């Protein structure tokens, strides 16, 4: 029970861009997330934040190092076991909501549960409960095209939690929203994560939002290092 929810050990990732042109994005990155901890991941574009999140979430594999979720080492597992672990243990949120346009808000949250074998009535009930908790319950029967950007992202948050994961990974989850909506939606995300006891790793360029999390780390030359103290004005002290 004392194992970190997420542990990354010595993660390396190299991209080959042609003969004699290798780019080492991650060079032995280490990170551990405690149960219920919300950690900001800050770095400029191109530093490898998305790569790190994809490896942590089992969407990509590292060239070296080890990924463990809930104390279980995921490195080296076959595709089927990785898919099951990803579906049950990890929730994903992206900058763009990526909702299925032909389905309603409720159905977008129900579908991942049905794929995991949850009965339809139970899946619908959980979907509606999640939507209600983030303030968009009345929009449950609407398709994404009939919803605002902030509403769509709230639905995406609910979808990420549909199967009660232990880990949430978010990649610039408010980066596509205007500042006022971004602040409101981020507050909703924090309340939702706190209320469910999740651990979360949230990549963001917004240092003001990062300062509201438990701690911040940054990617620097392929390694994860403490980001120091962030204040509400967005300044950082390293």
C-alpha atoms as a PDB file:
ATOM      1  CA  UNK A   1       0.000   0.000   0.000  1.00  0.00           C
ATOM      2  CA  UNK A   2       3.025   2.308   0.359  1.00  0.00           C
ATOM      3  CA  UNK A   3       4.081   1.948  -3.276  1.00  0.00           C
ATOM      4  CA  UNK A   4       3.866   5.140  -5.357  1.00  0.00           C
ATOM      5  CA  UNK A   5       0.891   5.223  -7.686  1.00  0.00           C
ATOM      6  CA  UNK A   6       3.337   6.063 -10.486  1.00  0.00           C
ATOM      7  CA  UNK A   7       7.052   5.377 -10.508  1.00  0.00           C
ATOM      8  CA  UNK A   8       9.301   6.198 -13.440  1.00  0.00           C
ATOM      9  CA  UNK A   9      12.883   4.985 -13.117  1.00  0.00           C
ATOM     10  CA  UNK A  10      15.672   5.867 -15.538  1.00  0.00           C
ATOM     11  CA  UNK A  11      13.356   6.569 -18.479  1.00  0.00           C
ATOM     12  CA  UNK A  12      15.194   7.122 -21.751  1.00  0.00           C
ATOM     13  CA  UNK A  13      13.706   7.905 -25.146  1.00  0.00           C
ATOM     14  CA  UNK A  14      15.641   8.507 -28.355  1.00  0.00           C
ATOM     15  CA  UNK A  15      14.107   9.498 -31.682  1.00  0.00           C
ATOM     16  CA  UNK A  16      15.946   8.631 -34.875  1.00  0.00           C
ATOM     17  CA  UNK A  17      15.545  11.400 -37.438  1.00  0.00           C
ATOM     18  CA  UNK A  18      17.693   9.799 -40.081  1.00  0.00           C
ATOM     19  CA  UNK A  19      21.203   8.488 -40.426  1.00  0.00           C
ATOM     20  CA  UNK A  20      23.517   9.936 -37.771  1.00  0.00           C
ATOM     21  CA  UNK A  21      20.695  12.137 -36.429  1.00  0.00           C
ATOM     22  CA  UNK A  22      19.437  10.855 -33.103  1.00  0.00           C
ATOM     23  CA  UNK A  23      17.615  13.096 -30.632  1.00  0.00           C
ATOM     24  CA  UNK A  24      17.647  12.005 -26.994  1.00  0.00           C
ATOM     25  CA  UNK A  25      14.478  13.488 -25.504  1.00  0.00           C
ATOM     26  CA  UNK A  26      14.585  11.687 -22.142  1.00  0.00           C
ATOM     27  CA  UNK A  27      17.935  10.794 -20.607  1.00  0.00           C
ATOM     28  CA  UNK A  28      17.190   8.848 -17.442  1.00  0.00           C
ATOM     29  CA  UNK A  29      14.118  10.606 -16.044  1.00  0.00           C
ATOM     30  CA  UNK A  30      12.949   9.581 -12.548  1.00  0.00           C
ATOM     31  CA  UNK A  31       9.644  10.479 -10.913  1.00  0.00           C
ATOM     32  CA  UNK A  32       7.361   9.108  -8.197  1.00  0.00           C
ATOM     33  CA  UNK A  33       3.782  10.190  -7.467  1.00  0.00           C
ATOM     34  CA  UNK A  34       2.353   9.418  -4.054  1.00  0.00           C
ATOM     35  CA  UNK A  35      -1.241   8.376  -3.540  1.00  0.00           C
ATOM     36  CA  UNK A  36      -3.514  11.430  -3.853  1.00  0.00           C
ATOM     37  CA  UNK A  37      -0.687  13.734  -4.998  1.00  0.00           C
ATOM     38  CA  UNK A  38      -1.180  16.266  -7.801  1.00  0.00           C
ATOM     39  CA  UNK A  39       2.059  17.210  -9.559  1.00  0.00           C
ATOM     40  CA  UNK A  40       2.611  19.862 -12.229  1.00  0.00           C
ATOM     41  CA  UNK A  41       4.995  19.074 -15.078  1.00  0.00           C
ATOM     42  CA  UNK A  42       6.354  22.280 -16.587  1.00  0.00           C
ATOM     43  CA  UNK A  43       8.694  22.707 -19.530  1.00  0.00           C
ATOM     44  CA  UNK A  44       8.799  24.582 -22.842  1.00  0.00           C
ATOM     45  CA  UNK A  45       7.357  23.068 -25.999  1.00  0.00           C
ATOM     46  CA  UNK A  46       9.579  20.368 -27.438  1.00  0.00           C
ATOM     47  CA  UNK A  47      11.156  19.450 -24.109  1.00  0.00           C
ATOM     48  CA  UNK A  48       9.466  16.038 -24.021  1.00  0.00           C
ATOM     49  CA  UNK A  49       6.422  16.515 -21.756  1.00  0.00           C
ATOM     50  CA  UNK A  50       4.037  14.673 -24.072  1.00  0.00           C
ATOM     51  CA  UNK A  51       6.577  11.903 -24.622  1.00  0.00           C
ATOM     52  CA  UNK A  52       6.938  11.426 -20.881  1.00  0.00           C
ATOM     53  CA  UNK A  53       3.153  11.325 -20.382  1.00  0.00           C
ATOM     54  CA  UNK A  54       2.712   8.795 -23.201  1.00  0.00           C
ATOM     55  CA  UNK A  55       5.331   6.521 -21.659  1.00  0.00           C
ATOM     56  CA  UNK A  56       3.847   6.906 -18.170  1.00  0.00           C
ATOM     57  CA  UNK A  57       0.403   6.089 -19.564  1.00  0.00           C
ATOM     58  CA  UNK A  58       1.588   3.036 -21.525  1.00  0.00           C
ATOM     59  CA  UNK A  59       0.793   4.625 -24.884  1.00  0.00           C
ATOM     60  CA  UNK A  60       4.465   4.479 -25.826  1.00  0.00           C
ATOM     61  CA  UNK A  61       7.472   2.489 -24.673  1.00  0.00           C
ATOM     62  CA  UNK A  62      10.780   3.773 -23.374  1.00  0.00           C
ATOM     63  CA  UNK A  63      14.105   2.771 -24.865  1.00  0.00           C
ATOM     64  CA  UNK A  64      15.371   2.155 -21.331  1.00  0.00           C
ATOM     65  CA  UNK A  65      14.059   2.398 -17.808  1.00  0.00           C
ATOM     66  CA  UNK A  66      11.030   1.126 -15.917  1.00  0.00           C
ATOM     67  CA  UNK A  67       7.397   2.187 -15.482  1.00  0.00           C
ATOM     68  CA  UNK A  68       5.415   0.955 -12.474  1.00  0.00           C
ATOM     69  CA  UNK A  69       1.777   1.765 -11.676  1.00  0.00           C
ATOM     70  CA  UNK A  70       0.451   0.909  -8.244  1.00  0.00           C
ATOM     71  CA  UNK A  71       3.568  -1.121  -7.513  1.00  0.00           C
ATOM     72  CA  UNK A  72       3.175  -3.296 -10.613  1.00  0.00           C
ATOM     73  CA  UNK A  73       5.984  -3.057 -13.151  1.00  0.00           C
ATOM     74  CA  UNK A  74       4.479  -2.439 -16.579  1.00  0.00           C
ATOM     75  CA  UNK A  75       7.693  -2.503 -18.567  1.00  0.00           C
ATOM     76  CA  UNK A  76       7.891  -5.566 -20.753  1.00  0.00           C
ATOM     77  CA  UNK A  77       4.215  -6.509 -20.563  1.00  0.00           C
ATOM     78  CA  UNK A  78       2.521  -7.725 -23.732  1.00  0.00           C
ATOM     79  CA  UNK A  79       0.089  -5.570 -25.688  1.00  0.00           C
ATOM     80  CA  UNK A  80      -3.033  -7.144 -24.182  1.00  0.00           C
ATOM     81  CA  UNK A  81      -1.951  -6.662 -20.565  1.00  0.00           C
ATOM     82  CA  UNK A  82      -0.802  -3.102 -21.297  1.00  0.00           C
ATOM     83  CA  UNK A  83      -4.172  -2.326 -22.880  1.00  0.00           C
ATOM     84  CA  UNK A  84      -6.049  -3.662 -19.845  1.00  0.00           C
ATOM     85  CA  UNK A  85      -3.820  -1.729 -17.436  1.00  0.00           C
ATOM     86  CA  UNK A  86      -4.205   1.447 -19.487  1.00  0.00           C
ATOM     87  CA  UNK A  87      -7.995   1.100 -19.595  1.00  0.00           C
ATOM     88  CA  UNK A  88      -8.396   0.377 -15.870  1.00  0.00           C
ATOM     89  CA  UNK A  89      -5.560   2.215 -14.155  1.00  0.00           C
ATOM     90  CA  UNK A  90      -4.972   5.374 -16.201  1.00  0.00           C
ATOM     91  CA  UNK A  91      -7.183   8.278 -17.212  1.00  0.00           C
ATOM     92  CA  UNK A  92      -6.093  10.689 -19.945  1.00  0.00           C
ATOM     93  CA  UNK A  93      -7.025  14.320 -20.601  1.00  0.00           C
ATOM     94  CA  UNK A  94      -5.659  16.263 -23.565  1.00  0.00           C
ATOM     95  CA  UNK A  95      -5.564  19.899 -24.661  1.00  0.00           C
ATOM     96  CA  UNK A  96      -8.328  19.136 -27.152  1.00  0.00           C
ATOM     97  CA  UNK A  97     -11.233  17.172 -25.722  1.00  0.00           C
ATOM     98  CA  UNK A  98     -11.286  14.449 -28.430  1.00  0.00           C
ATOM     99  CA  UNK A  99     -14.897  13.563 -27.662  1.00  0.00           C
ATOM    100  CA  UNK A 100     -16.667  11.315 -30.160  1.00  0.00           C
ATOM    101  CA  UNK A 101     -18.856  13.774 -32.111  1.00  0.00           C
ATOM    102  CA  UNK A 102     -21.639  11.327 -32.975  1.00  0.00           C
ATOM    103  CA  UNK A 103     -22.317  10.451 -29.334  1.00  0.00           C
ATOM    104  CA  UNK A 104     -23.856  12.465 -26.502  1.00  0.00           C
ATOM    105  CA  UNK A 105     -21.938  13.618 -23.444  1.00  0.00           C
ATOM    106  CA  UNK A 106     -23.428  10.735 -21.458  1.00  0.00           C
ATOM    107  CA  UNK A 107     -22.520   8.185 -24.127  1.00  0.00           C
ATOM    108  CA  UNK A 108     -18.938   9.453 -24.348  1.00  0.00           C
ATOM    109  CA  UNK A 109     -18.525   8.560 -20.672  1.00  0.00           C
ATOM    110  CA  UNK A 110     -20.544   5.342 -20.828  1.00  0.00           C
ATOM    111  CA  UNK A 111     -18.603   3.799 -23.722  1.00  0.00           C
ATOM    112  CA  UNK A 112     -15.266   3.258 -21.885  1.00  0.00           C
ATOM    113  CA  UNK A 113     -17.166   1.506 -19.109  1.00  0.00           C
ATOM    114  CA  UNK A 114     -19.009  -0.773 -21.519  1.00  0.00           C
ATOM    115  CA  UNK A 115     -15.658  -1.690 -23.075  1.00  0.00           C
ATOM    116  CA  UNK A 116     -14.551  -2.809 -19.607  1.00  0.00           C
ATOM    117  CA  UNK A 117     -17.613  -4.972 -19.098  1.00  0.00           C
ATOM    118  CA  UNK A 118     -19.708  -2.662 -16.903  1.00  0.00           C
ATOM    119  CA  UNK A 119     -23.495  -3.200 -17.327  1.00  0.00           C
ATOM    120  CA  UNK A 120     -25.213  -0.427 -19.292  1.00  0.00           C
ATOM    121  CA  UNK A 121     -27.475   0.767 -16.484  1.00  0.00           C
ATOM    122  CA  UNK A 122     -24.565   1.008 -14.054  1.00  0.00           C
ATOM    123  CA  UNK A 123     -22.399   2.775 -16.651  1.00  0.00           C
ATOM    124  CA  UNK A 124     -25.135   5.325 -17.406  1.00  0.00           C
ATOM    125  CA  UNK A 125     -25.626   6.029 -13.706  1.00  0.00           C
ATOM    126  CA  UNK A 126     -21.916   6.642 -13.118  1.00  0.00           C
ATOM    127  CA  UNK A 127     -21.685   8.827 -16.227  1.00  0.00           C
ATOM    128  CA  UNK A 128     -24.578  11.004 -15.088  1.00  0.00           C
ATOM    129  CA  UNK A 129     -23.137  11.255 -11.570  1.00  0.00           C
ATOM    130  CA  UNK A 130     -19.795  12.458 -12.939  1.00  0.00           C
ATOM    131  CA  UNK A 131     -21.452  14.982 -15.259  1.00  0.00           C
ATOM    132  CA  UNK A 132     -23.534  16.302 -12.376  1.00  0.00           C
ATOM    133  CA  UNK A 133     -20.446  16.694 -10.184  1.00  0.00           C
ATOM    134  CA  UNK A 134     -18.804  18.966 -12.754  1.00  0.00           C
ATOM    135  CA  UNK A 135     -21.949  20.999 -13.348  1.00  0.00           C
ATOM    136  CA  UNK A 136     -22.963  19.756 -16.802  1.00  0.00           C
ATOM    137  CA  UNK A 137     -25.565  17.179 -15.843  1.00  0.00           C
ATOM    138  CA  UNK A 138     -28.283  19.050 -17.784  1.00  0.00           C
ATOM    139  CA  UNK A 139     -26.138  18.690 -20.935  1.00  0.00           C
ATOM    140  CA  UNK A 140     -25.933  14.891 -20.704  1.00  0.00           C
ATOM    141  CA  UNK A 141     -28.058  14.371 -23.810  1.00  0.00           C
ATOM    142  CA  UNK A 142     -26.207  16.916 -25.961  1.00  0.00           C
ATOM    143  CA  UNK A 143     -23.566  16.094 -28.555  1.00  0.00           C
ATOM    144  CA  UNK A 144     -20.215  17.926 -28.324  1.00  0.00           C
ATOM    145  CA  UNK A 145     -21.089  20.310 -31.173  1.00  0.00           C
ATOM    146  CA  UNK A 146     -23.927  21.711 -29.061  1.00  0.00           C
ATOM    147  CA  UNK A 147     -21.662  22.436 -26.070  1.00  0.00           C
ATOM    148  CA  UNK A 148     -19.182  25.193 -25.250  1.00  0.00           C
ATOM    149  CA  UNK A 149     -15.449  24.545 -25.129  1.00  0.00           C
ATOM    150  CA  UNK A 150     -15.452  24.569 -21.338  1.00  0.00           C
ATOM    151  CA  UNK A 151     -18.382  22.148 -21.213  1.00  0.00           C
ATOM    152  CA  UNK A 152     -16.683  19.805 -23.655  1.00  0.00           C
ATOM    153  CA  UNK A 153     -13.516  19.742 -21.585  1.00  0.00           C
ATOM    154  CA  UNK A 154     -15.514  19.002 -18.436  1.00  0.00           C
ATOM    155  CA  UNK A 155     -17.057  16.039 -20.244  1.00  0.00           C
ATOM    156  CA  UNK A 156     -13.535  14.936 -21.217  1.00  0.00           C
ATOM    157  CA  UNK A 157     -12.543  15.068 -17.538  1.00  0.00           C
ATOM    158  CA  UNK A 158     -15.495  12.836 -16.673  1.00  0.00           C
ATOM    159  CA  UNK A 159     -14.591  10.398 -19.441  1.00  0.00           C
ATOM    160  CA  UNK A 160     -11.049  10.121 -18.086  1.00  0.00           C
ATOM    161  CA  UNK A 161     -12.476   9.022 -14.733  1.00  0.00           C
ATOM    162  CA  UNK A 162     -15.147   6.703 -16.128  1.00  0.00           C
ATOM    163  CA  UNK A 163     -13.358   3.483 -15.126  1.00  0.00           C
ATOM    164  CA  UNK A 164     -12.185   4.762 -11.721  1.00  0.00           C
ATOM    165  CA  UNK A 165      -8.459   4.869 -12.538  1.00  0.00           C
ATOM    166  CA  UNK A 166      -5.801   5.367  -9.898  1.00  0.00           C
ATOM    167  CA  UNK A 167      -3.731   7.751 -12.056  1.00  0.00           C
ATOM    168  CA  UNK A 168      -4.714  10.778 -14.151  1.00  0.00           C
ATOM    169  CA  UNK A 169      -2.387  12.108 -16.845  1.00  0.00           C
ATOM    170  CA  UNK A 170      -3.275  15.473 -18.378  1.00  0.00           C
ATOM    171  CA  UNK A 171      -1.480  17.232 -21.226  1.00  0.00           C
ATOM    172  CA  UNK A 172      -2.208  20.990 -21.237  1.00  0.00           C
ATOM    173  CA  UNK A 173      -5.838  20.314 -20.225  1.00  0.00           C
ATOM    174  CA  UNK A 174      -6.841  23.994 -20.345  1.00  0.00           C
ATOM    175  CA  UNK A 175      -4.466  25.138 -23.080  1.00  0.00           C
ATOM    176  CA  UNK A 176      -7.240  25.520 -25.665  1.00  0.00           C
ATOM    177  CA  UNK A 177      -9.460  27.730 -23.506  1.00  0.00           C
ATOM    178  CA  UNK A 178      -9.579  31.472 -22.866  1.00  0.00           C
ATOM    179  CA  UNK A 179      -8.089  32.609 -19.522  1.00  0.00           C
ATOM    180  CA  UNK A 180     -11.383  32.979 -17.648  1.00  0.00           C
ATOM    181  CA  UNK A 181     -12.746  29.630 -18.814  1.00  0.00           C
ATOM    182  CA  UNK A 182      -9.350  28.017 -18.224  1.00  0.00           C
ATOM    183  CA  UNK A 183      -9.384  29.052 -14.567  1.00  0.00           C
ATOM    184  CA  UNK A 184     -12.930  27.762 -14.049  1.00  0.00           C
ATOM    185  CA  UNK A 185     -12.286  24.457 -15.803  1.00  0.00           C
ATOM    186  CA  UNK A 186      -9.015  23.913 -13.960  1.00  0.00           C
ATOM    187  CA  UNK A 187     -10.768  24.489 -10.632  1.00  0.00           C
ATOM    188  CA  UNK A 188     -13.311  21.849 -11.656  1.00  0.00           C
ATOM    189  CA  UNK A 189     -10.519  19.418 -12.508  1.00  0.00           C
ATOM    190  CA  UNK A 190      -8.788  19.975  -9.167  1.00  0.00           C
ATOM    191  CA  UNK A 191     -12.035  19.449  -7.250  1.00  0.00           C
ATOM    192  CA  UNK A 192     -12.753  16.279  -9.203  1.00  0.00           C
ATOM    193  CA  UNK A 193      -9.274  14.852  -8.647  1.00  0.00           C
ATOM    194  CA  UNK A 194      -9.258  15.757  -4.944  1.00  0.00           C
ATOM    195  CA  UNK A 195     -12.721  14.320  -4.491  1.00  0.00           C
ATOM    196  CA  UNK A 196     -11.772  10.958  -5.954  1.00  0.00           C
ATOM    197  CA  UNK A 197      -8.363  10.641  -4.256  1.00  0.00           C
ATOM    198  CA  UNK A 198      -6.529  10.265  -7.555  1.00  0.00           C
ATOM    199  CA  UNK A 199      -2.879  10.888  -8.207  1.00  0.00           C
ATOM    200  CA  UNK A 200      -2.355  13.243 -11.143  1.00  0.00           C
ATOM    201  CA  UNK A 201       0.502  14.397 -13.340  1.00  0.00           C
ATOM    202  CA  UNK A 202      -0.556  17.524 -15.212  1.00  0.00           C
ATOM    203  CA  UNK A 203       1.610  19.086 -17.918  1.00  0.00           C
ATOM    204  CA  UNK A 204       1.052  22.813 -18.278  1.00  0.00           C
ATOM    205  CA  UNK A 205       2.718  25.966 -19.589  1.00  0.00           C
ATOM    206  CA  UNK A 206       0.686  28.003 -17.122  1.00  0.00           C
ATOM    207  CA  UNK A 207       2.840  28.546 -14.040  1.00  0.00           C
ATOM    208  CA  UNK A 208      -0.035  30.174 -12.176  1.00  0.00           C
ATOM    209  CA  UNK A 209      -2.048  26.959 -12.486  1.00  0.00           C
ATOM    210  CA  UNK A 210       1.034  24.890 -11.640  1.00  0.00           C
ATOM    211  CA  UNK A 211       1.402  26.837  -8.385  1.00  0.00           C
ATOM    212  CA  UNK A 212      -2.004  25.520  -7.269  1.00  0.00           C
ATOM    213  CA  UNK A 213      -0.835  21.912  -7.326  1.00  0.00           C
ATOM    214  CA  UNK A 214       0.990  20.023  -4.572  1.00  0.00           C
ATOM    215  CA  UNK A 215       4.387  20.440  -6.175  1.00  0.00           C
ATOM    216  CA  UNK A 216       5.949  21.095  -9.549  1.00  0.00           C
ATOM    217  CA  UNK A 217       8.699  19.391 -11.501  1.00  0.00           C
ATOM    218  CA  UNK A 218      10.265  20.332 -14.799  1.00  0.00           C
ATOM    219  CA  UNK A 219      11.995  18.614 -17.664  1.00  0.00           C
ATOM    220  CA  UNK A 220      15.506  19.916 -18.086  1.00  0.00           C
ATOM    221  CA  UNK A 221      17.971  18.354 -20.523  1.00  0.00           C
ATOM    222  CA  UNK A 222      16.039  15.105 -20.518  1.00  0.00           C
ATOM    223  CA  UNK A 223      15.822  14.796 -16.729  1.00  0.00           C
ATOM    224  CA  UNK A 224      13.071  15.569 -14.217  1.00  0.00           C
ATOM    225  CA  UNK A 225      14.145  18.093 -11.593  1.00  0.00           C
ATOM    226  CA  UNK A 226      12.265  20.091  -8.928  1.00  0.00           C
ATOM    227  CA  UNK A 227      10.732  23.260 -10.342  1.00  0.00           C
ATOM    228  CA  UNK A 228      11.179  25.169  -7.117  1.00  0.00           C
ATOM    229  CA  UNK A 229       8.523  27.396  -5.620  1.00  0.00           C
ATOM    230  CA  UNK A 230       5.919  28.843  -7.971  1.00  0.00           C
ATOM    231  CA  UNK A 231       3.918  31.885  -6.925  1.00  0.00           C
ATOM    232  CA  UNK A 232       0.486  32.967  -8.059  1.00  0.00           C
ATOM    233  CA  UNK A 233       1.914  35.552 -10.436  1.00  0.00           C
ATOM    234  CA  UNK A 234       3.595  32.827 -12.429  1.00  0.00           C
ATOM    235  CA  UNK A 235       7.148  33.535 -11.308  1.00  0.00           C
ATOM    236  CA  UNK A 236       9.355  30.646 -10.320  1.00  0.00           C
ATOM    237  CA  UNK A 237      12.126  30.371  -7.767  1.00  0.00           C
ATOM    238  CA  UNK A 238      14.487  27.458  -8.437  1.00  0.00           C
END
